[in-house]
Amino acid sequence: MSRGTITITNLIVHAVIGVYAFEQAIKQPLRITLYFVVDVERAASQDALAMTVDYAAVCGATHDFVK
């Protein structure tokens, strides 16, 4: 298996965070950097874009998880 690292830098998501009531009443921006290791061998050997990581899906899933 051939591995590659994917980095998504400075993804901004808005979430309700904080300790105090005034903090929990508003959404605040969070800046997130994601690093993950993926198997790139199959996609590269078959030159198949469908076998690669969908960055939009990763960002969307991260956004959904945080909110």
N, C-alpha and C. Protein backbone atom coordinates (compact mmCIF):
# COMPACT_ATOMS: atom_id res chain seq x y z
N MET A 1 0.84 -1.18 0.00
CA MET A 1 0.00 0.00 0.00
C MET A 1 0.89 1.24 0.00
N SER A 2 0.59 2.14 -0.89
CA SER A 2 1.30 3.41 -0.96
C SER A 2 0.45 4.46 -0.26
N ARG A 3 1.06 5.16 0.66
CA ARG A 3 0.32 6.14 1.45
C ARG A 3 0.68 7.57 1.06
N GLY A 4 -0.31 8.41 1.20
CA GLY A 4 -0.11 9.84 1.00
C GLY A 4 -0.80 10.58 2.12
N THR A 5 -0.31 11.76 2.43
CA THR A 5 -0.92 12.58 3.47
C THR A 5 -1.66 13.73 2.81
N ILE A 6 -2.89 13.91 3.23
CA ILE A 6 -3.70 15.02 2.75
C ILE A 6 -3.84 16.02 3.88
N THR A 7 -3.67 17.28 3.56
CA THR A 7 -3.81 18.35 4.54
C THR A 7 -4.84 19.35 4.03
N ILE A 8 -5.80 19.64 4.86
CA ILE A 8 -6.76 20.71 4.58
C ILE A 8 -6.48 21.76 5.65
N THR A 9 -6.04 22.92 5.21
CA THR A 9 -5.57 23.96 6.11
C THR A 9 -6.58 25.10 6.22
N ASN A 10 -6.76 25.57 7.45
CA ASN A 10 -7.57 26.75 7.73
C ASN A 10 -9.03 26.63 7.30
N LEU A 11 -9.61 25.46 7.53
CA LEU A 11 -11.04 25.28 7.30
C LEU A 11 -11.77 26.05 8.39
N ILE A 12 -12.64 26.96 8.00
CA ILE A 12 -13.39 27.76 8.96
C ILE A 12 -14.80 27.18 9.11
N VAL A 13 -15.15 26.85 10.35
CA VAL A 13 -16.51 26.41 10.66
C VAL A 13 -17.01 27.26 11.83
N HIS A 14 -18.30 27.41 11.92
CA HIS A 14 -18.89 28.20 13.00
C HIS A 14 -19.63 27.27 13.94
N ALA A 15 -19.37 27.45 15.25
CA ALA A 15 -19.96 26.56 16.24
C ALA A 15 -20.25 27.34 17.52
N VAL A 16 -21.18 26.81 18.27
CA VAL A 16 -21.47 27.36 19.59
C VAL A 16 -20.50 26.70 20.56
N ILE A 17 -19.61 27.51 21.11
CA ILE A 17 -18.61 27.01 22.06
C ILE A 17 -18.49 28.00 23.21
N GLY A 18 -17.87 27.58 24.28
CA GLY A 18 -17.61 28.50 25.37
C GLY A 18 -18.18 28.02 26.68
N VAL A 19 -17.80 28.71 27.72
CA VAL A 19 -18.22 28.39 29.08
C VAL A 19 -19.36 29.31 29.51
N TYR A 20 -19.23 30.57 29.19
CA TYR A 20 -20.19 31.57 29.66
C TYR A 20 -21.42 31.62 28.77
N ALA A 21 -22.53 32.06 29.34
CA ALA A 21 -23.81 32.12 28.62
C ALA A 21 -23.71 32.98 27.37
N PHE A 22 -23.02 34.11 27.45
CA PHE A 22 -22.92 34.99 26.28
C PHE A 22 -22.13 34.31 25.16
N GLU A 23 -21.18 33.44 25.51
CA GLU A 23 -20.43 32.70 24.50
C GLU A 23 -21.30 31.63 23.84
N GLN A 24 -22.15 31.01 24.63
CA GLN A 24 -23.00 29.95 24.13
C GLN A 24 -24.21 30.46 23.37
N ALA A 25 -24.40 31.77 23.36
CA ALA A 25 -25.53 32.37 22.65
C ALA A 25 -25.19 32.72 21.21
N ILE A 26 -23.91 32.62 20.85
CA ILE A 26 -23.50 33.00 19.49
C ILE A 26 -22.64 31.90 18.88
N LYS A 27 -22.62 31.87 17.57
CA LYS A 27 -21.70 30.98 16.87
C LYS A 27 -20.38 31.71 16.69
N GLN A 28 -19.32 31.00 16.96
CA GLN A 28 -17.99 31.58 16.84
C GLN A 28 -17.19 30.81 15.78
N PRO A 29 -16.32 31.52 15.06
CA PRO A 29 -15.53 30.83 14.04
C PRO A 29 -14.43 29.98 14.66
N LEU A 30 -14.27 28.81 14.13
CA LEU A 30 -13.16 27.93 14.50
C LEU A 30 -12.32 27.67 13.25
N ARG A 31 -11.04 27.75 13.39
CA ARG A 31 -10.12 27.47 12.28
C ARG A 31 -9.52 26.08 12.54
N ILE A 32 -9.75 25.18 11.59
CA ILE A 32 -9.34 23.79 11.76
C ILE A 32 -8.37 23.39 10.65
N THR A 33 -7.33 22.66 11.02
CA THR A 33 -6.44 22.06 10.04
C THR A 33 -6.53 20.55 10.21
N LEU A 34 -6.79 19.85 9.11
CA LEU A 34 -6.95 18.40 9.12
C LEU A 34 -5.76 17.76 8.42
N TYR A 35 -5.24 16.71 9.02
CA TYR A 35 -4.19 15.88 8.41
C TYR A 35 -4.71 14.45 8.43
N PHE A 36 -4.65 13.77 7.31
CA PHE A 36 -5.00 12.36 7.33
C PHE A 36 -4.23 11.61 6.26
N VAL A 37 -3.99 10.34 6.57
CA VAL A 37 -3.22 9.47 5.69
C VAL A 37 -4.19 8.61 4.89
N VAL A 38 -3.94 8.53 3.60
CA VAL A 38 -4.82 7.74 2.72
C VAL A 38 -3.99 6.82 1.84
N ASP A 39 -4.64 5.77 1.38
CA ASP A 39 -4.02 4.86 0.42
C ASP A 39 -4.19 5.48 -0.97
N VAL A 40 -3.10 5.81 -1.62
CA VAL A 40 -3.17 6.46 -2.93
C VAL A 40 -2.83 5.51 -4.08
N GLU A 41 -2.42 4.30 -3.72
CA GLU A 41 -1.94 3.37 -4.74
C GLU A 41 -3.01 2.99 -5.76
N ARG A 42 -4.18 2.61 -5.28
CA ARG A 42 -5.23 2.16 -6.20
C ARG A 42 -5.68 3.27 -7.15
N ALA A 43 -5.91 4.44 -6.62
CA ALA A 43 -6.34 5.56 -7.46
C ALA A 43 -5.26 5.93 -8.48
N ALA A 44 -4.00 5.92 -8.03
CA ALA A 44 -2.91 6.28 -8.94
C ALA A 44 -2.68 5.22 -10.01
N SER A 45 -2.74 3.96 -9.62
CA SER A 45 -2.46 2.90 -10.58
C SER A 45 -3.55 2.78 -11.64
N GLN A 46 -4.77 3.14 -11.27
CA GLN A 46 -5.88 3.06 -12.22
C GLN A 46 -6.24 4.42 -12.81
N ASP A 47 -5.52 5.45 -12.36
CA ASP A 47 -5.80 6.81 -12.82
C ASP A 47 -7.29 7.11 -12.69
N ALA A 48 -7.83 6.82 -11.50
CA ALA A 48 -9.28 6.92 -11.28
C ALA A 48 -9.60 8.00 -10.25
N LEU A 49 -10.10 9.10 -10.72
CA LEU A 49 -10.46 10.20 -9.84
C LEU A 49 -11.52 9.78 -8.82
N ALA A 50 -12.41 8.89 -9.20
CA ALA A 50 -13.48 8.44 -8.30
C ALA A 50 -12.93 7.70 -7.08
N MET A 51 -11.70 7.25 -7.13
CA MET A 51 -11.09 6.52 -6.01
C MET A 51 -10.28 7.43 -5.10
N THR A 52 -10.31 8.71 -5.36
CA THR A 52 -9.56 9.65 -4.55
C THR A 52 -10.45 10.22 -3.45
N VAL A 53 -9.86 11.05 -2.61
CA VAL A 53 -10.60 11.68 -1.52
C VAL A 53 -11.35 12.90 -2.05
N ASP A 54 -12.61 12.99 -1.70
CA ASP A 54 -13.45 14.13 -2.07
C ASP A 54 -13.29 15.20 -0.99
N TYR A 55 -12.50 16.21 -1.28
CA TYR A 55 -12.20 17.26 -0.30
C TYR A 55 -13.47 17.96 0.16
N ALA A 56 -14.39 18.20 -0.74
CA ALA A 56 -15.64 18.87 -0.37
C ALA A 56 -16.43 18.01 0.61
N ALA A 57 -16.43 16.71 0.42
CA ALA A 57 -17.15 15.81 1.34
C ALA A 57 -16.49 15.81 2.72
N VAL A 58 -15.15 15.83 2.76
CA VAL A 58 -14.44 15.87 4.04
C VAL A 58 -14.74 17.17 4.76
N CYS A 59 -14.70 18.28 4.04
CA CYS A 59 -15.00 19.58 4.65
C CYS A 59 -16.45 19.62 5.13
N GLY A 60 -17.37 19.11 4.34
CA GLY A 60 -18.78 19.09 4.72
C GLY A 60 -19.01 18.22 5.96
N ALA A 61 -18.39 17.06 6.00
CA ALA A 61 -18.55 16.18 7.16
C ALA A 61 -17.95 16.81 8.42
N THR A 62 -16.82 17.50 8.27
CA THR A 62 -16.22 18.19 9.40
C THR A 62 -17.13 19.30 9.89
N HIS A 63 -17.68 20.05 8.98
CA HIS A 63 -18.61 21.13 9.34
C HIS A 63 -19.82 20.55 10.08
N ASP A 64 -20.40 19.49 9.57
CA ASP A 64 -21.57 18.87 10.20
C ASP A 64 -21.24 18.34 11.58
N PHE A 65 -20.05 17.76 11.75
CA PHE A 65 -19.64 17.23 13.04
C PHE A 65 -19.48 18.34 14.08
N VAL A 66 -18.88 19.45 13.67
CA VAL A 66 -18.60 20.54 14.61
C VAL A 66 -19.86 21.27 15.03
N LYS A 67 -20.78 21.47 14.09
CA LYS A 67 -21.98 22.22 14.47
C LYS A 67 -22.90 21.33 15.23
